[in-house]
Each structure stands twice: as C-alpha cells, then as structure tokens.
Amino acid sequence: MKKRVAIIEDQTAVREMLSQIVSANPDFEVVAQGGDGLTATNLIIEANPDFVILDIMLPGLNGVEVLRRFKKHLHAVRVLVFSGFQTPSLVRELLQVGAHGFVEKTAPLSELQKGIETVANGGTYFGPEIAQYLRSAVLNPEEIVKGGVQVLTPREREILQLIAESYSTKDVAHKLSISVKTAENHRTNLMKKLDIHDVATLTRFAIQNGVIDGRSTR
C-alpha cells in the first residue's frame, strides 16, 4: 500500500517540485497540498496522511504551530521539516512538538530525497548543519537561549505572527474569530512578556525567531 503524503509549503514552485519528487517514488502518493498556515491543520487532519513535508515560514500560522496542532489528532504521522530558516532553539522546539527530520532548502536534491525516504519509512534524518545544532544543544545546553517565543501561548503566537504580517487588531480579531477586545488583550500580554513596545521591533523579533520572514510582511 502506498504511503499517503501531505505537502505544506507556501511557495508554489517549491510545492510543485516537492510533489514531483514524491510522486516519482511508486511507494508514495500525494493526497493533500497547501500553502496557508491557517488552513493547513484542517487540511492535514482531513487527509489523514502517513507522512507530512512541512515548511516553517507559512502565512497566517507558523509551521511549528501547525505541527503542534495536527499532532494532537494524528499522533503517528511522520513529519519532515523542509525550511530555509533554522536556529538551535527552533530545531529543539520542532523536536519537542513531533518532527522526525529537518532538511534545509539549500541542501542538495539527493539529501532531500534521502530525508523523505528515511523519515517516511520510520527513521529520523537531519542535514549536516541541523545535526551540528543538535550536537551543540547536547554538549552546551546553556547556550540554547530560553524564553523568546517559547514564553507565549499558542494564541499569542498566532497574534504575534499576524501583527508582524501587518494585520490590524481588527483584522486579527476577524481572522481568528475573536472579539477586538480579546485581540487587544492578547497583543498587550505578548508585548509585556517579550518586553517589546512597538510593532517595528515586534516584527524584527518575529523574523529573528523564525515566526515570519521578510516575504510574509504586507
């Protein structure tokens, strides 16, 4: 029986490339594709795949939160992160929420193919630079900075991303189906936690911590 694969990647060309690579393997079948973080969780849950290839920089909702959410429903699904952004704290968090591998977008095609096959078949796979991060985390755990986005609740992370993507508080409330007052309260709380008091600094923080990248800002 073929392994069912879902691909979540916001860049259309990259998503199509991943689909072609997966479909070229007779043991795999692409059953779902998406590029928006806010709809990705439901898309994956409805498709119920065996294996997910997941980007981190997604519009609307960061890939870490997407992973955290669908893993609550699909405990056994295998997950390979394919991203151009990586930091020791991000890699650690991805492992904590259920990723089984990480391949950088700058990696050779052969490495991506190896990562897909290894993770889909029950193993773990990390590119050379990511493996170095993991070794550093084990040998020097005190160097992995604590705090940052880790101090925020999932809802606060959502709002952080949307604010950094230049959505107004009213727009945030509409997108998340909450009241404007609730959105304002979450915004105030996350700024207090991060000790950040203006949107420009908040946006820089979001970029530096892998919540968004420059392409995400409107």
N, C-alpha and C. Protein backbone atom coordinates (compact mmCIF):
# COMPACT_ATOMS: atom_id res chain seq x y z
N MET A 1 0.84 -1.20 0.00
CA MET A 1 0.00 0.00 0.00
C MET A 1 0.88 1.25 0.00
N LYS A 2 0.51 2.22 -0.82
CA LYS A 2 1.31 3.44 -0.91
C LYS A 2 1.17 4.29 0.36
N LYS A 3 2.27 4.98 0.70
CA LYS A 3 2.23 5.92 1.82
C LYS A 3 1.59 7.23 1.34
N ARG A 4 0.66 7.71 2.13
CA ARG A 4 -0.08 8.93 1.78
C ARG A 4 0.70 10.15 2.31
N VAL A 5 0.95 11.11 1.42
CA VAL A 5 1.82 12.25 1.75
C VAL A 5 1.07 13.57 1.60
N ALA A 6 1.23 14.46 2.59
CA ALA A 6 0.72 15.82 2.52
C ALA A 6 1.91 16.78 2.45
N ILE A 7 1.80 17.81 1.62
CA ILE A 7 2.88 18.79 1.44
C ILE A 7 2.34 20.17 1.79
N ILE A 8 2.97 20.82 2.77
CA ILE A 8 2.59 22.16 3.19
C ILE A 8 3.77 23.09 2.95
N GLU A 9 3.64 23.95 1.95
CA GLU A 9 4.71 24.85 1.51
C GLU A 9 4.07 26.03 0.80
N ASP A 10 4.42 27.25 1.19
CA ASP A 10 3.71 28.41 0.65
C ASP A 10 4.20 28.84 -0.73
N GLN A 11 5.41 28.47 -1.13
CA GLN A 11 5.91 28.84 -2.45
C GLN A 11 5.45 27.80 -3.48
N THR A 12 4.66 28.25 -4.43
CA THR A 12 4.05 27.32 -5.39
C THR A 12 5.08 26.48 -6.13
N ALA A 13 6.14 27.10 -6.61
CA ALA A 13 7.15 26.37 -7.37
C ALA A 13 7.81 25.28 -6.52
N VAL A 14 8.11 25.63 -5.27
CA VAL A 14 8.73 24.64 -4.37
C VAL A 14 7.75 23.52 -4.07
N ARG A 15 6.49 23.88 -3.84
CA ARG A 15 5.47 22.86 -3.55
C ARG A 15 5.31 21.90 -4.73
N GLU A 16 5.31 22.43 -5.95
CA GLU A 16 5.19 21.58 -7.13
C GLU A 16 6.41 20.69 -7.29
N MET A 17 7.60 21.24 -6.98
CA MET A 17 8.82 20.44 -7.04
C MET A 17 8.76 19.28 -6.05
N LEU A 18 8.32 19.57 -4.83
CA LEU A 18 8.20 18.52 -3.83
C LEU A 18 7.19 17.45 -4.26
N SER A 19 6.10 17.88 -4.84
CA SER A 19 5.09 16.94 -5.31
C SER A 19 5.65 16.02 -6.39
N GLN A 20 6.45 16.58 -7.29
CA GLN A 20 7.05 15.77 -8.34
C GLN A 20 8.03 14.75 -7.79
N ILE A 21 8.82 15.19 -6.81
CA ILE A 21 9.79 14.27 -6.19
C ILE A 21 9.07 13.13 -5.50
N VAL A 22 8.04 13.47 -4.74
CA VAL A 22 7.29 12.43 -4.00
C VAL A 22 6.58 11.49 -4.98
N SER A 23 5.93 12.05 -5.99
CA SER A 23 5.15 11.24 -6.94
C SER A 23 6.03 10.32 -7.79
N ALA A 24 7.31 10.69 -7.93
CA ALA A 24 8.23 9.85 -8.71
C ALA A 24 8.54 8.54 -8.01
N ASN A 25 8.28 8.49 -6.70
CA ASN A 25 8.50 7.25 -5.93
C ASN A 25 7.21 6.44 -5.95
N PRO A 26 7.23 5.23 -6.50
CA PRO A 26 6.00 4.42 -6.61
C PRO A 26 5.40 4.03 -5.26
N ASP A 27 6.17 4.22 -4.18
CA ASP A 27 5.66 3.86 -2.85
C ASP A 27 4.89 5.00 -2.19
N PHE A 28 4.89 6.18 -2.83
CA PHE A 28 4.26 7.37 -2.24
C PHE A 28 3.10 7.87 -3.11
N GLU A 29 2.16 8.52 -2.45
CA GLU A 29 1.04 9.15 -3.14
C GLU A 29 0.73 10.49 -2.47
N VAL A 30 0.75 11.59 -3.21
CA VAL A 30 0.41 12.90 -2.66
C VAL A 30 -1.11 13.01 -2.54
N VAL A 31 -1.58 13.21 -1.31
CA VAL A 31 -3.03 13.25 -1.07
C VAL A 31 -3.52 14.64 -0.68
N ALA A 32 -2.61 15.55 -0.36
CA ALA A 32 -3.02 16.91 0.02
C ALA A 32 -1.85 17.86 -0.16
N GLN A 33 -2.16 19.09 -0.60
CA GLN A 33 -1.16 20.14 -0.72
C GLN A 33 -1.77 21.45 -0.25
N GLY A 34 -0.96 22.28 0.41
CA GLY A 34 -1.45 23.56 0.87
C GLY A 34 -0.31 24.52 1.12
N GLY A 35 -0.63 25.82 1.16
CA GLY A 35 0.40 26.81 1.37
C GLY A 35 0.06 27.87 2.39
N ASP A 36 -1.06 27.69 3.09
CA ASP A 36 -1.51 28.68 4.07
C ASP A 36 -1.55 28.05 5.45
N GLY A 37 -0.87 28.69 6.41
CA GLY A 37 -0.79 28.12 7.75
C GLY A 37 -2.12 28.01 8.46
N LEU A 38 -3.04 28.95 8.20
CA LEU A 38 -4.31 28.95 8.92
C LEU A 38 -5.22 27.79 8.50
N THR A 39 -5.06 27.31 7.27
CA THR A 39 -5.89 26.20 6.80
C THR A 39 -5.16 24.85 6.79
N ALA A 40 -3.85 24.89 7.04
CA ALA A 40 -3.04 23.67 6.91
C ALA A 40 -3.43 22.58 7.91
N THR A 41 -3.73 22.96 9.14
CA THR A 41 -4.05 21.96 10.15
C THR A 41 -5.25 21.13 9.74
N ASN A 42 -6.34 21.79 9.38
CA ASN A 42 -7.55 21.07 8.96
C ASN A 42 -7.31 20.26 7.70
N LEU A 43 -6.53 20.81 6.79
CA LEU A 43 -6.21 20.10 5.55
C LEU A 43 -5.51 18.77 5.85
N ILE A 44 -4.55 18.81 6.75
CA ILE A 44 -3.81 17.60 7.10
C ILE A 44 -4.69 16.61 7.84
N ILE A 45 -5.47 17.10 8.79
CA ILE A 45 -6.34 16.20 9.56
C ILE A 45 -7.35 15.51 8.65
N GLU A 46 -7.94 16.25 7.71
CA GLU A 46 -8.92 15.67 6.80
C GLU A 46 -8.28 14.65 5.86
N ALA A 47 -7.04 14.92 5.42
CA ALA A 47 -6.35 14.00 4.51
C ALA A 47 -5.85 12.75 5.22
N ASN A 48 -5.55 12.89 6.52
CA ASN A 48 -5.05 11.77 7.34
C ASN A 48 -3.88 11.05 6.67
N PRO A 49 -2.78 11.79 6.38
CA PRO A 49 -1.65 11.18 5.68
C PRO A 49 -0.78 10.35 6.62
N ASP A 50 0.12 9.59 6.01
CA ASP A 50 1.13 8.86 6.78
C ASP A 50 2.35 9.72 7.03
N PHE A 51 2.53 10.72 6.15
CA PHE A 51 3.78 11.48 6.13
C PHE A 51 3.49 12.91 5.69
N VAL A 52 4.12 13.88 6.37
CA VAL A 52 3.93 15.29 6.04
C VAL A 52 5.28 15.94 5.79
N ILE A 53 5.38 16.69 4.70
CA ILE A 53 6.53 17.56 4.45
C ILE A 53 6.07 18.97 4.77
N LEU A 54 6.74 19.63 5.70
CA LEU A 54 6.23 20.87 6.28
C LEU A 54 7.26 21.99 6.24
N ASP A 55 6.85 23.13 5.69
CA ASP A 55 7.67 24.34 5.75
C ASP A 55 7.41 25.04 7.08
N ILE A 56 8.31 25.91 7.50
CA ILE A 56 8.14 26.67 8.74
C ILE A 56 7.53 28.04 8.46
N MET A 57 8.04 28.73 7.44
CA MET A 57 7.57 30.08 7.14
C MET A 57 6.28 30.03 6.34
N LEU A 58 5.15 29.97 7.03
CA LEU A 58 3.86 29.92 6.38
C LEU A 58 3.05 31.16 6.73
N PRO A 59 2.30 31.70 5.79
CA PRO A 59 1.46 32.86 6.10
C PRO A 59 0.31 32.49 7.01
N GLY A 60 0.00 33.36 7.95
CA GLY A 60 -1.16 33.16 8.82
C GLY A 60 -0.87 32.40 10.09
N LEU A 61 -0.10 31.30 9.98
CA LEU A 61 0.24 30.50 11.15
C LEU A 61 1.56 29.79 10.90
N ASN A 62 2.50 29.96 11.80
CA ASN A 62 3.83 29.37 11.69
C ASN A 62 3.77 27.85 11.65
N GLY A 63 4.71 27.24 10.92
CA GLY A 63 4.73 25.79 10.78
C GLY A 63 4.86 25.05 12.09
N VAL A 64 5.53 25.65 13.08
CA VAL A 64 5.65 25.00 14.39
C VAL A 64 4.26 24.81 15.01
N GLU A 65 3.43 25.85 14.91
CA GLU A 65 2.08 25.76 15.47
C GLU A 65 1.20 24.81 14.67
N VAL A 66 1.37 24.78 13.36
CA VAL A 66 0.64 23.83 12.53
C VAL A 66 0.96 22.40 12.98
N LEU A 67 2.25 22.13 13.15
CA LEU A 67 2.69 20.81 13.60
C LEU A 67 2.13 20.47 14.97
N ARG A 68 2.21 21.42 15.88
CA ARG A 68 1.71 21.20 17.23
C ARG A 68 0.22 20.81 17.21
N ARG A 69 -0.53 21.45 16.34
CA ARG A 69 -1.98 21.25 16.31
C ARG A 69 -2.39 19.93 15.67
N PHE A 70 -1.81 19.61 14.51
CA PHE A 70 -2.27 18.37 13.88
C PHE A 70 -1.73 17.14 14.59
N LYS A 71 -0.61 17.28 15.31
CA LYS A 71 -0.07 16.15 16.04
C LYS A 71 -0.98 15.72 17.19
N LYS A 72 -1.80 16.63 17.69
CA LYS A 72 -2.76 16.28 18.75
C LYS A 72 -3.79 15.29 18.25
N HIS A 73 -4.04 15.30 16.94
CA HIS A 73 -5.05 14.43 16.35
C HIS A 73 -4.44 13.24 15.61
N LEU A 74 -3.25 13.44 15.05
CA LEU A 74 -2.60 12.40 14.25
C LEU A 74 -1.25 12.07 14.88
N HIS A 75 -1.28 11.27 15.93
CA HIS A 75 -0.06 11.01 16.71
C HIS A 75 1.01 10.27 15.91
N ALA A 76 0.59 9.40 15.00
CA ALA A 76 1.55 8.51 14.34
C ALA A 76 2.13 9.09 13.05
N VAL A 77 1.62 10.21 12.58
CA VAL A 77 2.08 10.75 11.31
C VAL A 77 3.56 11.14 11.39
N ARG A 78 4.29 10.82 10.33
CA ARG A 78 5.70 11.15 10.26
C ARG A 78 5.86 12.55 9.66
N VAL A 79 6.84 13.32 10.14
CA VAL A 79 6.96 14.71 9.72
C VAL A 79 8.41 15.06 9.38
N LEU A 80 8.61 15.55 8.16
CA LEU A 80 9.91 16.08 7.74
C LEU A 80 9.76 17.58 7.53
N VAL A 81 10.54 18.37 8.24
CA VAL A 81 10.55 19.82 8.06
C VAL A 81 11.51 20.15 6.93
N PHE A 82 11.03 20.98 6.00
CA PHE A 82 11.85 21.42 4.87
C PHE A 82 11.81 22.94 4.87
N SER A 83 12.88 23.58 5.35
CA SER A 83 12.83 25.02 5.60
C SER A 83 14.18 25.68 5.35
N GLY A 84 14.11 26.97 5.01
CA GLY A 84 15.32 27.75 4.84
C GLY A 84 15.74 28.47 6.10
N PHE A 85 14.94 28.36 7.16
CA PHE A 85 15.24 29.04 8.41
C PHE A 85 15.49 28.01 9.49
N GLN A 86 16.57 28.19 10.24
CA GLN A 86 16.86 27.28 11.34
C GLN A 86 17.71 27.98 12.40
N THR A 87 17.37 27.73 13.65
CA THR A 87 18.16 28.16 14.79
C THR A 87 18.15 27.00 15.78
N PRO A 88 19.11 26.93 16.71
CA PRO A 88 19.09 25.85 17.70
C PRO A 88 17.78 25.77 18.46
N SER A 89 17.24 26.93 18.88
CA SER A 89 16.00 26.89 19.66
C SER A 89 14.83 26.42 18.82
N LEU A 90 14.79 26.79 17.53
CA LEU A 90 13.72 26.34 16.66
C LEU A 90 13.79 24.84 16.43
N VAL A 91 14.99 24.32 16.17
CA VAL A 91 15.15 22.88 15.96
C VAL A 91 14.72 22.12 17.20
N ARG A 92 15.12 22.61 18.37
CA ARG A 92 14.73 21.96 19.62
C ARG A 92 13.21 21.94 19.77
N GLU A 93 12.57 23.05 19.46
CA GLU A 93 11.12 23.13 19.61
C GLU A 93 10.42 22.20 18.62
N LEU A 94 10.92 22.12 17.41
CA LEU A 94 10.33 21.23 16.42
C LEU A 94 10.39 19.77 16.88
N LEU A 95 11.51 19.39 17.47
CA LEU A 95 11.62 18.03 18.01
C LEU A 95 10.62 17.80 19.14
N GLN A 96 10.47 18.81 19.97
CA GLN A 96 9.56 18.69 21.10
C GLN A 96 8.10 18.51 20.67
N VAL A 97 7.73 19.14 19.55
CA VAL A 97 6.33 19.04 19.12
C VAL A 97 6.09 17.93 18.11
N GLY A 98 7.14 17.17 17.74
CA GLY A 98 6.88 15.95 16.98
C GLY A 98 7.51 15.81 15.62
N ALA A 99 8.49 16.65 15.24
CA ALA A 99 9.17 16.47 13.95
C ALA A 99 10.14 15.29 14.02
N HIS A 100 10.33 14.62 12.89
CA HIS A 100 11.24 13.47 12.83
C HIS A 100 12.47 13.74 11.98
N GLY A 101 12.50 14.90 11.32
CA GLY A 101 13.64 15.23 10.49
C GLY A 101 13.58 16.67 10.02
N PHE A 102 14.72 17.16 9.53
CA PHE A 102 14.82 18.55 9.08
C PHE A 102 15.84 18.60 7.95
N VAL A 103 15.40 19.06 6.80
CA VAL A 103 16.30 19.26 5.66
C VAL A 103 16.22 20.73 5.27
N GLU A 104 17.38 21.36 5.09
CA GLU A 104 17.43 22.77 4.70
C GLU A 104 17.12 22.92 3.21
N LYS A 105 16.54 24.05 2.86
CA LYS A 105 16.20 24.29 1.45
C LYS A 105 17.44 24.48 0.59
N THR A 106 18.57 24.73 1.20
CA THR A 106 19.82 24.88 0.44
C THR A 106 20.51 23.53 0.22
N ALA A 107 19.94 22.47 0.74
CA ALA A 107 20.57 21.15 0.65
C ALA A 107 20.46 20.60 -0.78
N PRO A 108 21.38 19.72 -1.17
CA PRO A 108 21.29 19.07 -2.49
C PRO A 108 20.00 18.25 -2.60
N LEU A 109 19.54 18.06 -3.81
CA LEU A 109 18.32 17.29 -4.05
C LEU A 109 18.45 15.87 -3.50
N SER A 110 19.64 15.30 -3.60
CA SER A 110 19.85 13.94 -3.11
C SER A 110 19.61 13.85 -1.60
N GLU A 111 19.98 14.92 -0.88
CA GLU A 111 19.76 14.93 0.56
C GLU A 111 18.27 15.02 0.89
N LEU A 112 17.55 15.84 0.13
CA LEU A 112 16.10 15.94 0.33
C LEU A 112 15.43 14.59 0.08
N GLN A 113 15.82 13.93 -1.00
CA GLN A 113 15.24 12.62 -1.32
C GLN A 113 15.54 11.60 -0.21
N LYS A 114 16.76 11.64 0.30
CA LYS A 114 17.14 10.73 1.38
C LYS A 114 16.33 11.03 2.64
N GLY A 115 16.15 12.32 2.94
CA GLY A 115 15.36 12.70 4.10
C GLY A 115 13.93 12.24 4.00
N ILE A 116 13.33 12.41 2.82
CA ILE A 116 11.95 11.97 2.62
C ILE A 116 11.81 10.47 2.82
N GLU A 117 12.67 9.71 2.19
CA GLU A 117 12.58 8.25 2.28
C GLU A 117 12.86 7.76 3.70
N THR A 118 13.86 8.35 4.36
CA THR A 118 14.23 7.92 5.71
C THR A 118 13.11 8.18 6.70
N VAL A 119 12.60 9.40 6.72
CA VAL A 119 11.56 9.76 7.68
C VAL A 119 10.25 9.03 7.38
N ALA A 120 9.87 8.96 6.12
CA ALA A 120 8.62 8.29 5.75
C ALA A 120 8.63 6.82 6.14
N ASN A 121 9.83 6.22 6.17
CA ASN A 121 9.93 4.79 6.49
C ASN A 121 10.29 4.53 7.95
N GLY A 122 10.10 5.54 8.81
CA GLY A 122 10.22 5.32 10.24
C GLY A 122 11.50 5.78 10.89
N GLY A 123 12.42 6.36 10.12
CA GLY A 123 13.68 6.81 10.70
C GLY A 123 13.67 8.30 11.00
N THR A 124 14.82 8.81 11.41
CA THR A 124 14.99 10.23 11.62
C THR A 124 16.13 10.71 10.72
N TYR A 125 16.02 11.96 10.25
CA TYR A 125 17.05 12.47 9.36
C TYR A 125 17.24 13.96 9.58
N PHE A 126 18.50 14.37 9.75
CA PHE A 126 18.82 15.78 9.93
C PHE A 126 20.03 16.12 9.07
N GLY A 127 19.91 17.20 8.31
CA GLY A 127 21.02 17.66 7.48
C GLY A 127 22.23 18.00 8.34
N PRO A 128 23.40 18.14 7.73
CA PRO A 128 24.65 18.36 8.47
C PRO A 128 24.61 19.55 9.43
N GLU A 129 24.09 20.70 8.98
CA GLU A 129 24.07 21.88 9.84
C GLU A 129 23.10 21.69 11.00
N ILE A 130 21.97 21.06 10.73
CA ILE A 130 21.00 20.79 11.79
C ILE A 130 21.58 19.80 12.79
N ALA A 131 22.29 18.80 12.30
CA ALA A 131 22.93 17.83 13.19
C ALA A 131 23.93 18.53 14.10
N GLN A 132 24.62 19.54 13.58
CA GLN A 132 25.57 20.31 14.40
C GLN A 132 24.84 21.07 15.48
N TYR A 133 23.69 21.65 15.16
CA TYR A 133 22.87 22.32 16.17
C TYR A 133 22.51 21.35 17.30
N LEU A 134 22.14 20.14 16.90
CA LEU A 134 21.73 19.16 17.90
C LEU A 134 22.90 18.76 18.79
N ARG A 135 24.07 18.61 18.18
CA ARG A 135 25.26 18.27 18.98
C ARG A 135 25.57 19.41 19.96
N SER A 136 25.46 20.64 19.49
CA SER A 136 25.72 21.79 20.37
C SER A 136 24.71 21.84 21.51
N ALA A 137 23.46 21.51 21.20
CA ALA A 137 22.42 21.55 22.23
C ALA A 137 22.69 20.52 23.32
N VAL A 138 23.25 19.37 22.92
CA VAL A 138 23.54 18.31 23.90
C VAL A 138 24.78 18.68 24.73
N LEU A 139 25.81 19.19 24.05
CA LEU A 139 27.07 19.49 24.73
C LEU A 139 27.02 20.79 25.52
N ASN A 140 26.26 21.77 25.00
CA ASN A 140 26.20 23.08 25.64
C ASN A 140 24.75 23.57 25.76
N PRO A 141 23.95 22.88 26.56
CA PRO A 141 22.53 23.24 26.65
C PRO A 141 22.29 24.66 27.14
N GLU A 142 23.25 25.22 27.89
CA GLU A 142 23.07 26.57 28.41
C GLU A 142 23.15 27.62 27.30
N GLU A 143 23.68 27.24 26.14
CA GLU A 143 23.80 28.18 25.03
C GLU A 143 22.49 28.33 24.25
N ILE A 144 21.56 27.39 24.45
CA ILE A 144 20.27 27.50 23.80
C ILE A 144 19.43 28.49 24.58
N VAL A 145 19.18 29.63 23.98
CA VAL A 145 18.51 30.72 24.68
C VAL A 145 17.09 30.32 25.04
N LYS A 146 16.74 30.51 26.29
CA LYS A 146 15.39 30.24 26.75
C LYS A 146 14.56 31.50 26.61
N GLY A 147 13.26 31.33 26.65
CA GLY A 147 12.37 32.47 26.52
C GLY A 147 12.00 32.68 25.08
N GLY A 148 11.92 33.94 24.66
CA GLY A 148 11.52 34.21 23.30
C GLY A 148 10.10 33.75 23.05
N VAL A 149 9.86 33.20 21.85
CA VAL A 149 8.51 32.77 21.50
C VAL A 149 8.02 31.65 22.41
N GLN A 150 8.96 30.93 23.06
CA GLN A 150 8.55 29.83 23.93
C GLN A 150 7.72 30.29 25.12
N VAL A 151 7.81 31.56 25.49
CA VAL A 151 7.05 32.05 26.65
C VAL A 151 5.62 32.41 26.26
N LEU A 152 5.32 32.41 24.97
CA LEU A 152 3.99 32.79 24.51
C LEU A 152 3.05 31.60 24.42
N THR A 153 1.77 31.86 24.64
CA THR A 153 0.76 30.83 24.43
C THR A 153 0.55 30.63 22.93
N PRO A 154 -0.05 29.50 22.51
CA PRO A 154 -0.33 29.32 21.09
C PRO A 154 -1.14 30.47 20.49
N ARG A 155 -2.13 30.98 21.21
CA ARG A 155 -2.93 32.09 20.70
C ARG A 155 -2.08 33.36 20.55
N GLU A 156 -1.20 33.60 21.52
CA GLU A 156 -0.33 34.77 21.43
C GLU A 156 0.64 34.66 20.26
N ARG A 157 1.07 33.44 19.96
CA ARG A 157 1.95 33.26 18.81
C ARG A 157 1.21 33.56 17.51
N GLU A 158 -0.04 33.11 17.43
CA GLU A 158 -0.84 33.44 16.26
C GLU A 158 -0.93 34.94 16.06
N ILE A 159 -1.23 35.65 17.14
CA ILE A 159 -1.41 37.09 17.06
C ILE A 159 -0.09 37.79 16.77
N LEU A 160 1.00 37.29 17.35
CA LEU A 160 2.33 37.82 17.03
C LEU A 160 2.58 37.74 15.53
N GLN A 161 2.30 36.59 14.93
CA GLN A 161 2.56 36.43 13.51
C GLN A 161 1.70 37.37 12.68
N LEU A 162 0.42 37.46 13.01
CA LEU A 162 -0.47 38.32 12.22
C LEU A 162 -0.10 39.80 12.36
N ILE A 163 0.26 40.22 13.57
CA ILE A 163 0.69 41.61 13.75
C ILE A 163 1.96 41.87 12.93
N ALA A 164 2.90 40.93 12.99
CA ALA A 164 4.15 41.09 12.24
C ALA A 164 3.91 41.07 10.74
N GLU A 165 2.81 40.44 10.31
CA GLU A 165 2.44 40.44 8.90
C GLU A 165 1.62 41.67 8.52
N SER A 166 1.56 42.63 9.47
CA SER A 166 0.94 43.95 9.24
C SER A 166 -0.58 43.97 9.28
N TYR A 167 -1.18 42.97 9.91
CA TYR A 167 -2.63 43.00 10.09
C TYR A 167 -2.98 43.88 11.28
N SER A 168 -4.06 44.64 11.16
CA SER A 168 -4.53 45.47 12.26
C SER A 168 -5.18 44.59 13.33
N THR A 169 -5.40 45.17 14.50
CA THR A 169 -6.06 44.41 15.57
C THR A 169 -7.44 43.96 15.13
N LYS A 170 -8.15 44.80 14.41
CA LYS A 170 -9.48 44.44 13.91
C LYS A 170 -9.39 43.27 12.93
N ASP A 171 -8.39 43.30 12.05
CA ASP A 171 -8.19 42.20 11.10
C ASP A 171 -7.83 40.91 11.82
N VAL A 172 -6.98 41.02 12.84
CA VAL A 172 -6.60 39.85 13.63
C VAL A 172 -7.83 39.22 14.28
N ALA A 173 -8.67 40.06 14.87
CA ALA A 173 -9.89 39.57 15.52
C ALA A 173 -10.78 38.84 14.51
N HIS A 174 -10.91 39.41 13.32
CA HIS A 174 -11.75 38.79 12.29
C HIS A 174 -11.18 37.45 11.85
N LYS A 175 -9.87 37.39 11.59
CA LYS A 175 -9.25 36.16 11.12
C LYS A 175 -9.34 35.03 12.14
N LEU A 176 -9.25 35.39 13.43
CA LEU A 176 -9.24 34.37 14.48
C LEU A 176 -10.62 34.17 15.12
N SER A 177 -11.61 34.89 14.61
CA SER A 177 -12.99 34.78 15.12
C SER A 177 -13.06 35.06 16.62
N ILE A 178 -12.39 36.14 17.04
CA ILE A 178 -12.45 36.58 18.43
C ILE A 178 -12.82 38.05 18.44
N SER A 179 -13.17 38.57 19.60
CA SER A 179 -13.54 39.99 19.68
C SER A 179 -12.29 40.86 19.57
N VAL A 180 -12.51 42.12 19.17
CA VAL A 180 -11.40 43.07 19.08
C VAL A 180 -10.77 43.26 20.46
N LYS A 181 -11.61 43.31 21.48
CA LYS A 181 -11.11 43.47 22.84
C LYS A 181 -10.19 42.31 23.24
N THR A 182 -10.59 41.08 22.90
CA THR A 182 -9.76 39.91 23.21
C THR A 182 -8.44 39.98 22.45
N ALA A 183 -8.50 40.38 21.20
CA ALA A 183 -7.28 40.52 20.41
C ALA A 183 -6.36 41.57 21.01
N GLU A 184 -6.93 42.68 21.45
CA GLU A 184 -6.14 43.73 22.09
C GLU A 184 -5.48 43.23 23.36
N ASN A 185 -6.22 42.45 24.16
CA ASN A 185 -5.66 41.91 25.41
C ASN A 185 -4.50 40.97 25.14
N HIS A 186 -4.66 40.10 24.13
CA HIS A 186 -3.57 39.18 23.77
C HIS A 186 -2.35 39.96 23.29
N ARG A 187 -2.59 41.00 22.49
CA ARG A 187 -1.49 41.82 21.98
C ARG A 187 -0.75 42.48 23.13
N THR A 188 -1.48 43.02 24.10
CA THR A 188 -0.86 43.67 25.25
C THR A 188 -0.04 42.67 26.06
N ASN A 189 -0.60 41.47 26.27
CA ASN A 189 0.08 40.44 27.07
C ASN A 189 1.37 39.97 26.40
N LEU A 190 1.31 39.75 25.09
CA LEU A 190 2.52 39.23 24.43
C LEU A 190 3.62 40.29 24.39
N MET A 191 3.24 41.55 24.25
CA MET A 191 4.24 42.62 24.27
C MET A 191 4.88 42.75 25.65
N LYS A 192 4.09 42.56 26.70
CA LYS A 192 4.64 42.59 28.05
C LYS A 192 5.60 41.44 28.27
N LYS A 193 5.21 40.24 27.83
CA LYS A 193 6.06 39.07 28.01
C LYS A 193 7.40 39.22 27.29
N LEU A 194 7.34 39.80 26.11
CA LEU A 194 8.55 39.95 25.30
C LEU A 194 9.31 41.24 25.60
N ASP A 195 8.69 42.11 26.40
CA ASP A 195 9.26 43.43 26.69
C ASP A 195 9.52 44.20 25.40
N ILE A 196 8.54 44.16 24.52
CA ILE A 196 8.59 44.87 23.26
C ILE A 196 7.37 45.80 23.21
N HIS A 197 7.59 47.03 22.76
CA HIS A 197 6.51 48.01 22.89
C HIS A 197 6.16 48.75 21.60
N ASP A 198 6.63 48.24 20.46
CA ASP A 198 6.23 48.84 19.19
C ASP A 198 6.22 47.75 18.12
N VAL A 199 5.44 47.98 17.08
CA VAL A 199 5.23 46.96 16.05
C VAL A 199 6.51 46.69 15.25
N ALA A 200 7.30 47.72 14.99
CA ALA A 200 8.52 47.52 14.22
C ALA A 200 9.47 46.55 14.91
N THR A 201 9.65 46.74 16.23
CA THR A 201 10.52 45.84 16.99
C THR A 201 9.91 44.45 17.07
N LEU A 202 8.59 44.40 17.20
CA LEU A 202 7.90 43.11 17.25
C LEU A 202 8.09 42.34 15.94
N THR A 203 8.05 43.06 14.84
CA THR A 203 8.24 42.43 13.53
C THR A 203 9.67 41.90 13.40
N ARG A 204 10.65 42.67 13.84
CA ARG A 204 12.04 42.20 13.80
C ARG A 204 12.21 40.94 14.65
N PHE A 205 11.58 40.96 15.83
CA PHE A 205 11.64 39.79 16.71
C PHE A 205 11.05 38.57 16.01
N ALA A 206 9.92 38.75 15.34
CA ALA A 206 9.26 37.64 14.66
C ALA A 206 10.14 37.06 13.56
N ILE A 207 10.82 37.93 12.82
CA ILE A 207 11.73 37.48 11.77
C ILE A 207 12.92 36.74 12.36
N GLN A 208 13.52 37.30 13.40
CA GLN A 208 14.71 36.71 14.01
C GLN A 208 14.42 35.36 14.66
N ASN A 209 13.17 35.14 15.08
CA ASN A 209 12.82 33.89 15.76
C ASN A 209 12.07 32.91 14.87
N GLY A 210 12.07 33.16 13.56
CA GLY A 210 11.50 32.20 12.63
C GLY A 210 9.99 32.15 12.61
N VAL A 211 9.33 33.18 13.12
CA VAL A 211 7.88 33.22 13.08
C VAL A 211 7.41 33.63 11.69
N ILE A 212 8.08 34.61 11.10
CA ILE A 212 7.84 35.01 9.71
C ILE A 212 9.19 35.28 9.06
N ASP A 213 9.15 35.52 7.76
CA ASP A 213 10.35 36.04 7.11
C ASP A 213 9.95 37.31 6.36
N GLY A 214 10.90 37.93 5.68
CA GLY A 214 10.63 39.19 5.00
C GLY A 214 9.51 39.11 3.99
N ARG A 215 9.33 37.92 3.39
CA ARG A 215 8.28 37.76 2.38
C ARG A 215 6.89 37.81 2.99
N SER A 216 6.78 37.60 4.32
CA SER A 216 5.48 37.49 4.96
C SER A 216 4.84 38.84 5.24
N THR A 217 5.65 39.91 5.28
CA THR A 217 5.11 41.21 5.62
C THR A 217 4.41 41.81 4.41
N ARG A 218 3.27 42.47 4.66
CA ARG A 218 2.47 43.01 3.57
C ARG A 218 2.94 44.43 3.20
